[in-house]
Amino acid sequence: MSRVSVALLGGFQARLPSSLPVSLPARKAQALLAYLALRPGQAYSREKLATILWGEAGNEQAMSSLRQTLSTLRHALPATKPGSLLTEGTTVALNPAAVEVDVVAFEERVAEGTPEALEQAAALYRGDFLDGFAVKAAFFEEWLVAERERIRTLALAALTRLLAHQEKAVQTELAIQTAVRLLALDPLQEAVHRTLMRLYSRQGRRAGALRQYQICLGVLQQELGAEPESETKQLYRDLLRRDAATPPTPAGHARGTRRHRTASRLHPAVPTPETPLIGREAELARLRQAFEEVRQGRGRVALIVGEDGIGKSRLLLTLAADVANSGRLLLGRAYETEQILPFGPWVDAFRSGQVTAELELLSVLPAHSRAELARLLPEADMPGLPPSTHDARRLFESVWHFIEGLAAMAPVGLMLEDMHWADEMSLRLLAFVARRIREAPVLILVTAREEEFAGAPVLRHVLEELLREPHFLHIALSSLSHGDTVALVRALAGAGLAGAAVARLAEEVWAVSEGNPFVVVEAVRAIQEGTASAGPTGVRLPERVREIIARRLERLHKQSRQLVLVAAVIGREFDFALLQRAAGLAEGDSAEGVEELVRRRVLHGVGERFEFTHDRIRAVAYAQLLPPRRKLFHRQVAEAIEALYPDNLELHTAALGLHYREAEVWPKALTYLRRAGAQAADRSAHRKAVAWFEQALEALANLPESRDTIEQAIDLRFDLRNALLQLGDLSRLLMRLREAEALAVRLDDQRRLGRVSSFMAVCFFQMGDHDGAIRFAERGLAIARACGDFGLEVQMNFRLGLAYHALGEYRRAIDILKRNVNLLTGARVSERYGMAGLPALLSRAWLISCLAEIGEFVDATTLAREGFAIADAIDQRWSLAWLCFHAGLLHLRKGDHPQAATLLKRGLEVCRLGEIGLLVPWFESALGYIDALSGRASEAQPRLEQAIDRLAAMGYSTWKPLLITWLAEVADAAGRIDDAIRHLSRARELAQVQKERGHEAWALRAMGEVISHRAPAEGEEADRYYSQAVALAQELGMRPLVAHCHLGLGELLRRAGRWELAKEHLAIATKLFWDMDTPLWLARVEAVLAS
């Protein structure tokens, strides 16, 4: 016959043969069916059944309720012969032929005991007996608790026997699943924890095995106040030592490593939270809601801020576990000791997710994007990729497209911790990506300490920008309440203290911690470890957390104390092999020490690596080191890195440089610090590059002087000059160049003196000393020709061209710059010849401006078109920025303001992404000027003023007269005539000092126009300035300026009623504009004539 299915494991469910649920709306009807179904066929007296379910009622009422419930069951169950309910006299039973019950089947399989039967029993056990089922009946509840425990015990025994069989049969994956189920039923089975550790290790999941020990440790300490058995500790130590001779790379996989995707490698190992999450339910709910929106395809950016120890990481880890279960998790962190490393947290996040080890993920990107990613992750490099551009925007775009590709496969959770310590490029990349995820399934979660914001201006700026985005979520964590603090103390105390003692402890901890979770945890651990004690008046806790931590560290065994000090020197995540080798301990002693550090919650595992459970602990440990021992440990760490990772030293140059510097091993410190600077410069992280090169100079100063060290000192200053130039720090740049010049003269090194001459010419040009720039450029050109140095000759031609351009000698500048344009063809177009950009492009850019100033607009336009074609093919951003600027000025001179603005905005974006701070004020000034010409004077003034102030702060003066002239025209457009005249007087004076005659001519013309706007107009004075401007412009061959002066004079004379003379000037302007093919300016003249 067809039978009713009754499932009692994991809840209550009864289904008819048709699979429809049995209709039993009354809870006690379900309870009666469950009671009878546990042992089908067994007869129960009606009195017993009535007592079980209605014992609190009188006998008569209980029997009446039973009769009604039995009637309900008969109608709900199918009609069979014999019936589903068997009644005989005063007894009732469930017909075993009419039902099939999962508990019955489970017990039968357990009793059979074969491996196959045990597997079936395990599948049947979907949860506790009648899990979540409850009725208001005391006797039923007693019966339920007893049966639930009995069946759970059966399940534990069955799973234990099944696990033993699977382990023996080397069914590793099945055994892991069984062990996990066993621990879900009874997490205190330490033997099963050990078995699971061994199984993970057998499967090659060493990180999982190490993490399982931490889970075991946490459960035992939390529930029993006990430590693991010696056998468990020894197993952990053995796992630590296993494969120690060939450890994984600390920072990730070696270059070229390729692995197939496996489920276990999709996510970084999320550290197991060591404390319960208390008092953060509302914040966690907001984050989970944000991730749910991400899963639906809407990107979110979340920021968690709060003071040190407030629980940011704990909240992040909880959400990270959610993300790992249903998406792709990328977990990165910034470190205080690594602020100098560009893109540190991003590299950390990508490597933690091991995304570069999977070819199919990289295949979504074009070759040029993979080449850019290889700048961040050298292990992503592969044969056949084009060279990277060393351009920040290209890199940013490649990172975004990569994340976008990952998100197309599964929702991405990118979590970046402690971003108050992030380098500037990491923060700029964060802003870039965060603005683009709105329509992508990506969650970016950032944590930062609010007390560090004052020293992180870039972070503040990025967050202020993101706060305006609709997909941004801001979560500020405050201290725990008194109630939540007490709850946390009770959870941490576990079984170790009696109730009254816990209450006293909670109050003392509240007084000390004021609700800071980290202080709460450290205080309770101090009590548990005996570094603080309880007395009649309560618990005496140290006044400062530092003291609590120091006392905890003092109680460690000798080898553990040494390991924790070495770990503090390493400074961030590390693997066992590095720690053991740097500490100089035997593997066994190191394993025993690390086990204790993990057990004592000083360290915790992150995959197969370790880090401090909190940075405060690391800081306290590091502060305990006296200078001699600190130097020794830094040297041991550096030597250990070299020994362990000889094939991947490029991934560790920064760490090696820092450790050898602190160890005062100056030759190696110099080598690695300089390499680190070069790597930072390649990533466009110019501030970081300057910091590394400065440290390299400090290291070099500690070496004995020789010709070799002096040459290195010169070359290091050249490296610094390149980075400082990108940042626009001219005062430091000049200081370093003068030092290099003096050293080159000492050595009589002509080639290096030639390079100094080139760099000095640039510096003097930027400061507005153009005669000085010409002097150095001519000296360099003579050296280049004497030495046959083609690259230096190209540099000197360019420097001379710039200087003559600034002096207003445009035709002479054109002749010189054309030398380079003619010389640099074919393969030479893409050569830099020691310059920050490509001289083939840079020479064209400045040549465009020279041609524009003399009115050769057709030739200038053709040259600009050629330049952009080259720039697009080569994509060198420094050169592209200059090209955008000068092409923008070309269109400004032609009167095409929209096209000028388009080019200038493009160049400004290039500067910002490439950290080309030197050029930003120029672009801002030109765009501000265009704002004024377009009727937006109120917006233009602050833009120009800020740009000019920034130039002054950088010691930059060349072209400044022209920028001040633009500021004057802005003031004129706003009706502030006196301000405009004051600005123009300043512009003329500066132009005369710097001999910038072309810019002086533009200032004279602007003075004539401004004065002509006075009421009443001062025609004679305006005429005088226009006439001076015309004379100077004609001398310099500046046809556009001559035309504008005649246009201005024509307008002035028209307003004065002197029509005939006005027409003469307008006719001259018309012819000039016509000859120069400038229809927009011609239209202006025609409008004046028409009026």
Foldseek 3Di string as FASTA:
>chain_A
DQAWEWEFFPATFIAGSVRHTQDDPDLVLSLLCLVQVLDAPDKDFLQVSLCQAPVVDDSVVSSVVSVVSVVSVQVRADQDVVGQWDDDDRIIHGHPVHYDYLNVLLVVLLVVPDLVSLVVNLVSNPHFGNPPRDDPGVNNVVVRVVVRVVVLVSNLVSLVSNLVVCVVVVVLVVSLVSLVVNCVSPVQPLVSLLVNLVSCVVVVQLLVSLLSQLVNLLCCCQAPVDGDDPVSLVSLLVSQLPPLQADADQLAHDAQAADADDLVLQEWFQRDDSFDDFPCVVVLVVVVVLLVVLQVQFEFEEEEEAAALQCPSVSVSVVQVVCSVFFGEFFFEFFLVCQLFALRRVSNRCRSSPVLNHVVLVVQDDLQLLLLVCLSVVSNDDPPRDHHQLFLVSNLVSVLVSVQSRQVVGQYEYEYEACLSHYLLNLVSVLSNNVPRRRTSYYYYYYHYPVSCVVRVSNVVSVVVCVPPPRYHYHYGDFHDLVRLLVRLPSSCHPVDDPVLSVLASVVQCVQPVRSNRSSNLQSLLDSVVVWHADPNGTDTDNDSLSSLVSLLVPADPLLLLLLLLLLLLRFKDALSLSCQLSVHDSSSSSSSVSVCSSSQQWTRTRRIIGGNHVSSSVSSPVVDDLVVSLSSLVSSLVSSCVNCVPRCLVVLVSNLVSCVSNLVLVSVLVSLQSSLVSCSSNLVLVSSLVSLVSSLVSLVPDDDDLVSLVVLLVSLLSNLLSCQLQLQLVVNVVSLVVSCVSCVVVVPLVSNLVSLLSVLVSCQQLLQLVSSLVSLVSSCVSCVVVVPPLSVLSSLLSNLSSCVQLLLLVVSLVSLVVNCVVQDDPSQQDCSSHLHRSNLLSLLSNLQSCLQLLQLVVSVVSLVVSVVSCVVSVNLVSLLSSLQSVLVSVVLLVNLVVSLVSLVVSLVSSVSSSSNSCNLVSLLVNLLSCLVVPNLVVSQVSLVVSLVVSVVSSGDRPSLLSLQSNLVSCLSVVNLVSSLVSLVVSLVSCVVSSSLSSNLSSLLSNLLSQCPDVVRPLVVSLVSLVVSLVSSVVSSRLSSNLSSLLSNLLSVVVVVNNVSSVVSLVSSLVSSVVSVRVVVNVVSVVSVVD
